[in-house]
Amino acid sequence: MIKSAFAVNAILGMAAVTILLRAAPFFCAPYLRRFKMVDKLGQFLPPAIMALLLIHTLKSNMMENSNGPWQELIAAAVAIVLQWRIRHPLISIAGATLLYIAFRNITIHF
């Protein structure tokens, strides 16, 4: 049986490491901005990661959905159009998510 003090210390240690790892980019940013490659990666990686996550999510959800890929594709298109027009990620994500939830909860067959 694990003793309570050991469990609490392990959880606190894991929490400290997690917080430090998440805070490290903010502390290191002033030093890393001196390098052009880091600046280029900062401009390229966020959209690339979002695109990969979108492709992976669309692929896995399309396989699960018996109605076909239309709900996912329409929600993704709405997110792209909202981001292109409004340029506010929170609104784009929320609008597309709400539309997708409505599609999945309301029985609309395309």
N, C-alpha and C. Protein backbone atom coordinates (compact mmCIF):
# COMPACT_ATOMS: atom_id res chain seq x y z
N MET A 1 0.84 -1.18 0.00
CA MET A 1 0.00 0.00 0.00
C MET A 1 0.88 1.25 0.00
N ILE A 2 0.52 2.22 -0.80
CA ILE A 2 1.28 3.46 -0.89
C ILE A 2 0.89 4.36 0.28
N LYS A 3 1.89 4.93 0.92
CA LYS A 3 1.62 5.84 2.03
C LYS A 3 1.13 7.17 1.50
N SER A 4 0.29 7.83 2.27
CA SER A 4 -0.32 9.10 1.85
C SER A 4 0.73 10.17 1.58
N ALA A 5 1.73 10.27 2.43
CA ALA A 5 2.76 11.30 2.25
C ALA A 5 3.51 11.10 0.94
N PHE A 6 3.81 9.84 0.59
CA PHE A 6 4.50 9.55 -0.66
C PHE A 6 3.63 9.95 -1.86
N ALA A 7 2.35 9.61 -1.80
CA ALA A 7 1.43 9.94 -2.90
C ALA A 7 1.31 11.45 -3.07
N VAL A 8 1.17 12.17 -1.97
CA VAL A 8 1.04 13.63 -2.04
C VAL A 8 2.31 14.25 -2.60
N ASN A 9 3.46 13.77 -2.14
CA ASN A 9 4.73 14.30 -2.65
C ASN A 9 4.92 13.99 -4.13
N ALA A 10 4.52 12.80 -4.56
CA ALA A 10 4.62 12.45 -5.98
C ALA A 10 3.72 13.35 -6.82
N ILE A 11 2.51 13.58 -6.37
CA ILE A 11 1.59 14.45 -7.11
C ILE A 11 2.12 15.88 -7.16
N LEU A 12 2.62 16.39 -6.04
CA LEU A 12 3.19 17.75 -6.02
C LEU A 12 4.41 17.85 -6.94
N GLY A 13 5.25 16.82 -6.95
CA GLY A 13 6.41 16.82 -7.83
C GLY A 13 6.00 16.83 -9.30
N MET A 14 5.02 16.00 -9.64
CA MET A 14 4.54 15.98 -11.03
C MET A 14 3.91 17.31 -11.41
N ALA A 15 3.17 17.92 -10.49
CA ALA A 15 2.56 19.22 -10.77
C ALA A 15 3.63 20.29 -11.00
N ALA A 16 4.68 20.27 -10.18
CA ALA A 16 5.76 21.25 -10.33
C ALA A 16 6.47 21.10 -11.67
N VAL A 17 6.75 19.87 -12.06
CA VAL A 17 7.42 19.63 -13.34
C VAL A 17 6.52 20.08 -14.49
N THR A 18 5.23 19.78 -14.40
CA THR A 18 4.29 20.18 -15.46
C THR A 18 4.23 21.69 -15.59
N ILE A 19 4.14 22.38 -14.46
CA ILE A 19 4.07 23.85 -14.49
C ILE A 19 5.35 24.44 -15.06
N LEU A 20 6.49 23.91 -14.64
CA LEU A 20 7.77 24.41 -15.17
C LEU A 20 7.90 24.17 -16.67
N LEU A 21 7.47 22.99 -17.14
CA LEU A 21 7.56 22.72 -18.58
C LEU A 21 6.63 23.63 -19.38
N ARG A 22 5.49 23.95 -18.84
CA ARG A 22 4.57 24.84 -19.56
C ARG A 22 5.00 26.30 -19.49
N ALA A 23 5.71 26.67 -18.44
CA ALA A 23 6.16 28.05 -18.29
C ALA A 23 7.50 28.30 -18.99
N ALA A 24 8.26 27.26 -19.25
CA ALA A 24 9.60 27.41 -19.83
C ALA A 24 9.61 28.20 -21.13
N PRO A 25 8.70 27.96 -22.09
CA PRO A 25 8.75 28.76 -23.32
C PRO A 25 8.59 30.26 -23.08
N PHE A 26 7.80 30.64 -22.08
CA PHE A 26 7.61 32.06 -21.80
C PHE A 26 8.85 32.68 -21.17
N PHE A 27 9.54 31.91 -20.34
CA PHE A 27 10.77 32.42 -19.73
C PHE A 27 11.92 32.45 -20.73
N CYS A 28 11.95 31.50 -21.65
CA CYS A 28 13.04 31.40 -22.62
C CYS A 28 12.81 32.23 -23.88
N ALA A 29 11.61 32.72 -24.10
CA ALA A 29 11.28 33.43 -25.34
C ALA A 29 12.20 34.61 -25.63
N PRO A 30 12.52 35.46 -24.65
CA PRO A 30 13.40 36.59 -24.98
C PRO A 30 14.78 36.15 -25.49
N TYR A 31 15.28 35.04 -24.98
CA TYR A 31 16.59 34.56 -25.40
C TYR A 31 16.51 33.87 -26.76
N LEU A 32 15.42 33.18 -27.01
CA LEU A 32 15.29 32.43 -28.25
C LEU A 32 14.94 33.31 -29.45
N ARG A 33 14.36 34.47 -29.22
CA ARG A 33 13.97 35.35 -30.32
C ARG A 33 15.17 35.91 -31.08
N ARG A 34 16.33 35.78 -30.51
CA ARG A 34 17.52 36.26 -31.20
C ARG A 34 17.87 35.42 -32.42
N PHE A 35 17.35 34.21 -32.48
CA PHE A 35 17.67 33.30 -33.58
C PHE A 35 16.58 33.35 -34.64
N LYS A 36 16.99 33.55 -35.89
CA LYS A 36 16.03 33.66 -36.99
C LYS A 36 15.24 32.36 -37.19
N MET A 37 15.89 31.23 -37.00
CA MET A 37 15.21 29.95 -37.20
C MET A 37 14.05 29.78 -36.21
N VAL A 38 14.25 30.19 -34.98
CA VAL A 38 13.18 30.09 -33.98
C VAL A 38 12.01 30.99 -34.38
N ASP A 39 12.32 32.17 -34.90
CA ASP A 39 11.27 33.08 -35.36
C ASP A 39 10.48 32.47 -36.52
N LYS A 40 11.19 31.85 -37.47
CA LYS A 40 10.51 31.21 -38.60
C LYS A 40 9.66 30.03 -38.14
N LEU A 41 10.20 29.25 -37.21
CA LEU A 41 9.41 28.13 -36.69
C LEU A 41 8.18 28.63 -35.94
N GLY A 42 8.30 29.74 -35.25
CA GLY A 42 7.16 30.32 -34.54
C GLY A 42 6.06 30.77 -35.47
N GLN A 43 6.41 31.13 -36.69
CA GLN A 43 5.40 31.54 -37.67
C GLN A 43 4.82 30.34 -38.41
N PHE A 44 5.63 29.30 -38.61
CA PHE A 44 5.21 28.16 -39.43
C PHE A 44 4.52 27.06 -38.62
N LEU A 45 5.03 26.74 -37.45
CA LEU A 45 4.55 25.57 -36.72
C LEU A 45 3.09 25.66 -36.24
N PRO A 46 2.62 26.77 -35.68
CA PRO A 46 1.23 26.76 -35.22
C PRO A 46 0.22 26.43 -36.32
N PRO A 47 0.27 27.06 -37.50
CA PRO A 47 -0.69 26.65 -38.54
C PRO A 47 -0.49 25.21 -39.00
N ALA A 48 0.76 24.76 -39.06
CA ALA A 48 1.03 23.38 -39.49
C ALA A 48 0.46 22.38 -38.48
N ILE A 49 0.64 22.66 -37.21
CA ILE A 49 0.11 21.76 -36.18
C ILE A 49 -1.41 21.76 -36.21
N MET A 50 -2.03 22.94 -36.37
CA MET A 50 -3.49 23.00 -36.46
C MET A 50 -4.01 22.23 -37.67
N ALA A 51 -3.31 22.33 -38.79
CA ALA A 51 -3.73 21.59 -39.98
C ALA A 51 -3.63 20.09 -39.76
N LEU A 52 -2.55 19.63 -39.14
CA LEU A 52 -2.41 18.20 -38.86
C LEU A 52 -3.48 17.71 -37.90
N LEU A 53 -3.77 18.49 -36.87
CA LEU A 53 -4.82 18.10 -35.93
C LEU A 53 -6.19 18.06 -36.62
N LEU A 54 -6.44 19.01 -37.49
CA LEU A 54 -7.70 19.04 -38.23
C LEU A 54 -7.83 17.82 -39.13
N ILE A 55 -6.78 17.49 -39.85
CA ILE A 55 -6.82 16.33 -40.74
C ILE A 55 -7.04 15.04 -39.95
N HIS A 56 -6.34 14.91 -38.85
CA HIS A 56 -6.48 13.70 -38.03
C HIS A 56 -7.90 13.60 -37.45
N THR A 57 -8.42 14.71 -36.95
CA THR A 57 -9.77 14.70 -36.38
C THR A 57 -10.82 14.40 -37.44
N LEU A 58 -10.69 15.04 -38.59
CA LEU A 58 -11.65 14.78 -39.66
C LEU A 58 -11.61 13.32 -40.09
N LYS A 59 -10.42 12.78 -40.23
CA LYS A 59 -10.29 11.39 -40.67
C LYS A 59 -10.94 10.44 -39.67
N SER A 60 -10.63 10.60 -38.39
CA SER A 60 -11.18 9.68 -37.39
C SER A 60 -12.68 9.85 -37.22
N ASN A 61 -13.18 11.08 -37.25
CA ASN A 61 -14.61 11.30 -37.10
C ASN A 61 -15.40 10.86 -38.32
N MET A 62 -14.82 11.00 -39.50
CA MET A 62 -15.51 10.56 -40.72
C MET A 62 -15.71 9.06 -40.72
N MET A 63 -14.76 8.34 -40.16
CA MET A 63 -14.88 6.88 -40.12
C MET A 63 -15.97 6.44 -39.15
N GLU A 64 -16.19 7.20 -38.07
CA GLU A 64 -17.19 6.86 -37.07
C GLU A 64 -18.60 7.23 -37.51
N ASN A 65 -18.73 8.30 -38.26
CA ASN A 65 -20.03 8.86 -38.58
C ASN A 65 -20.70 8.07 -39.71
N SER A 66 -21.90 7.60 -39.44
CA SER A 66 -22.62 6.81 -40.45
C SER A 66 -23.23 7.69 -41.55
N ASN A 67 -23.34 8.99 -41.31
CA ASN A 67 -23.93 9.90 -42.30
C ASN A 67 -22.93 10.33 -43.36
N GLY A 68 -21.72 9.90 -43.24
CA GLY A 68 -20.71 10.32 -44.21
C GLY A 68 -19.90 11.49 -43.68
N PRO A 69 -19.02 12.02 -44.51
CA PRO A 69 -18.09 13.05 -44.05
C PRO A 69 -18.64 14.47 -44.09
N TRP A 70 -19.89 14.65 -44.49
CA TRP A 70 -20.40 16.00 -44.77
C TRP A 70 -20.46 16.88 -43.54
N GLN A 71 -20.85 16.36 -42.42
CA GLN A 71 -20.94 17.19 -41.22
C GLN A 71 -19.57 17.75 -40.83
N GLU A 72 -18.57 16.90 -40.85
CA GLU A 72 -17.22 17.34 -40.50
C GLU A 72 -16.67 18.34 -41.51
N LEU A 73 -16.89 18.05 -42.78
CA LEU A 73 -16.37 18.95 -43.82
C LEU A 73 -17.04 20.32 -43.77
N ILE A 74 -18.35 20.35 -43.54
CA ILE A 74 -19.05 21.64 -43.45
C ILE A 74 -18.57 22.43 -42.24
N ALA A 75 -18.43 21.76 -41.08
CA ALA A 75 -17.94 22.45 -39.87
C ALA A 75 -16.51 22.97 -40.07
N ALA A 76 -15.67 22.17 -40.72
CA ALA A 76 -14.30 22.62 -40.99
C ALA A 76 -14.29 23.81 -41.95
N ALA A 77 -15.15 23.77 -42.96
CA ALA A 77 -15.24 24.89 -43.91
C ALA A 77 -15.72 26.16 -43.21
N VAL A 78 -16.67 26.01 -42.30
CA VAL A 78 -17.16 27.17 -41.54
C VAL A 78 -16.04 27.75 -40.69
N ALA A 79 -15.25 26.89 -40.05
CA ALA A 79 -14.12 27.37 -39.24
C ALA A 79 -13.12 28.13 -40.10
N ILE A 80 -12.84 27.61 -41.28
CA ILE A 80 -11.88 28.26 -42.18
C ILE A 80 -12.40 29.61 -42.65
N VAL A 81 -13.68 29.65 -43.04
CA VAL A 81 -14.26 30.91 -43.52
C VAL A 81 -14.33 31.94 -42.39
N LEU A 82 -14.74 31.51 -41.20
CA LEU A 82 -14.80 32.45 -40.07
C LEU A 82 -13.41 33.00 -39.74
N GLN A 83 -12.43 32.14 -39.74
CA GLN A 83 -11.07 32.61 -39.44
C GLN A 83 -10.55 33.54 -40.53
N TRP A 84 -10.86 33.23 -41.75
CA TRP A 84 -10.42 34.07 -42.87
C TRP A 84 -11.07 35.45 -42.81
N ARG A 85 -12.36 35.49 -42.47
CA ARG A 85 -13.09 36.76 -42.47
C ARG A 85 -12.91 37.55 -41.16
N ILE A 86 -13.00 36.87 -40.03
CA ILE A 86 -13.01 37.56 -38.73
C ILE A 86 -11.61 37.64 -38.11
N ARG A 87 -10.80 36.62 -38.36
CA ARG A 87 -9.45 36.52 -37.80
C ARG A 87 -9.44 36.53 -36.27
N HIS A 88 -10.37 35.78 -35.71
CA HIS A 88 -10.43 35.61 -34.26
C HIS A 88 -10.60 34.11 -33.98
N PRO A 89 -9.52 33.44 -33.55
CA PRO A 89 -9.56 31.98 -33.41
C PRO A 89 -10.68 31.47 -32.50
N LEU A 90 -10.94 32.17 -31.41
CA LEU A 90 -11.97 31.70 -30.48
C LEU A 90 -13.34 31.68 -31.14
N ILE A 91 -13.66 32.71 -31.89
CA ILE A 91 -14.95 32.76 -32.59
C ILE A 91 -15.01 31.68 -33.67
N SER A 92 -13.93 31.50 -34.39
CA SER A 92 -13.90 30.47 -35.44
C SER A 92 -14.10 29.08 -34.86
N ILE A 93 -13.38 28.78 -33.80
CA ILE A 93 -13.49 27.46 -33.18
C ILE A 93 -14.87 27.27 -32.57
N ALA A 94 -15.37 28.28 -31.86
CA ALA A 94 -16.68 28.15 -31.22
C ALA A 94 -17.79 28.01 -32.25
N GLY A 95 -17.74 28.80 -33.31
CA GLY A 95 -18.78 28.72 -34.34
C GLY A 95 -18.82 27.37 -35.02
N ALA A 96 -17.65 26.87 -35.40
CA ALA A 96 -17.59 25.56 -36.07
C ALA A 96 -17.97 24.44 -35.11
N THR A 97 -17.55 24.55 -33.86
CA THR A 97 -17.89 23.51 -32.88
C THR A 97 -19.38 23.47 -32.61
N LEU A 98 -20.00 24.63 -32.44
CA LEU A 98 -21.44 24.66 -32.21
C LEU A 98 -22.21 24.10 -33.40
N LEU A 99 -21.77 24.43 -34.60
CA LEU A 99 -22.41 23.88 -35.80
C LEU A 99 -22.26 22.36 -35.84
N TYR A 100 -21.07 21.87 -35.54
CA TYR A 100 -20.83 20.43 -35.56
C TYR A 100 -21.67 19.72 -34.50
N ILE A 101 -21.76 20.31 -33.32
CA ILE A 101 -22.59 19.71 -32.26
C ILE A 101 -24.04 19.68 -32.70
N ALA A 102 -24.50 20.74 -33.32
CA ALA A 102 -25.88 20.76 -33.82
C ALA A 102 -26.08 19.67 -34.88
N PHE A 103 -25.13 19.52 -35.78
CA PHE A 103 -25.23 18.46 -36.80
C PHE A 103 -25.30 17.08 -36.17
N ARG A 104 -24.46 16.83 -35.16
CA ARG A 104 -24.41 15.50 -34.56
C ARG A 104 -25.62 15.21 -33.68
N ASN A 105 -26.21 16.24 -33.07
CA ASN A 105 -27.34 16.01 -32.18
C ASN A 105 -28.68 16.08 -32.87
N ILE A 106 -28.76 16.79 -33.96
CA ILE A 106 -29.99 16.86 -34.74
C ILE A 106 -29.85 15.86 -35.87
N THR A 107 -30.82 15.06 -36.08
CA THR A 107 -30.71 14.02 -37.10
C THR A 107 -30.96 14.60 -38.48
N ILE A 108 -29.90 15.13 -39.05
CA ILE A 108 -29.93 15.65 -40.42
C ILE A 108 -29.13 14.67 -41.26
N HIS A 109 -29.74 14.15 -42.28
CA HIS A 109 -29.04 13.22 -43.16
C HIS A 109 -28.79 13.90 -44.50
N PHE A 110 -27.52 13.95 -44.86
CA PHE A 110 -27.15 14.57 -46.12
C PHE A 110 -27.19 13.56 -47.22
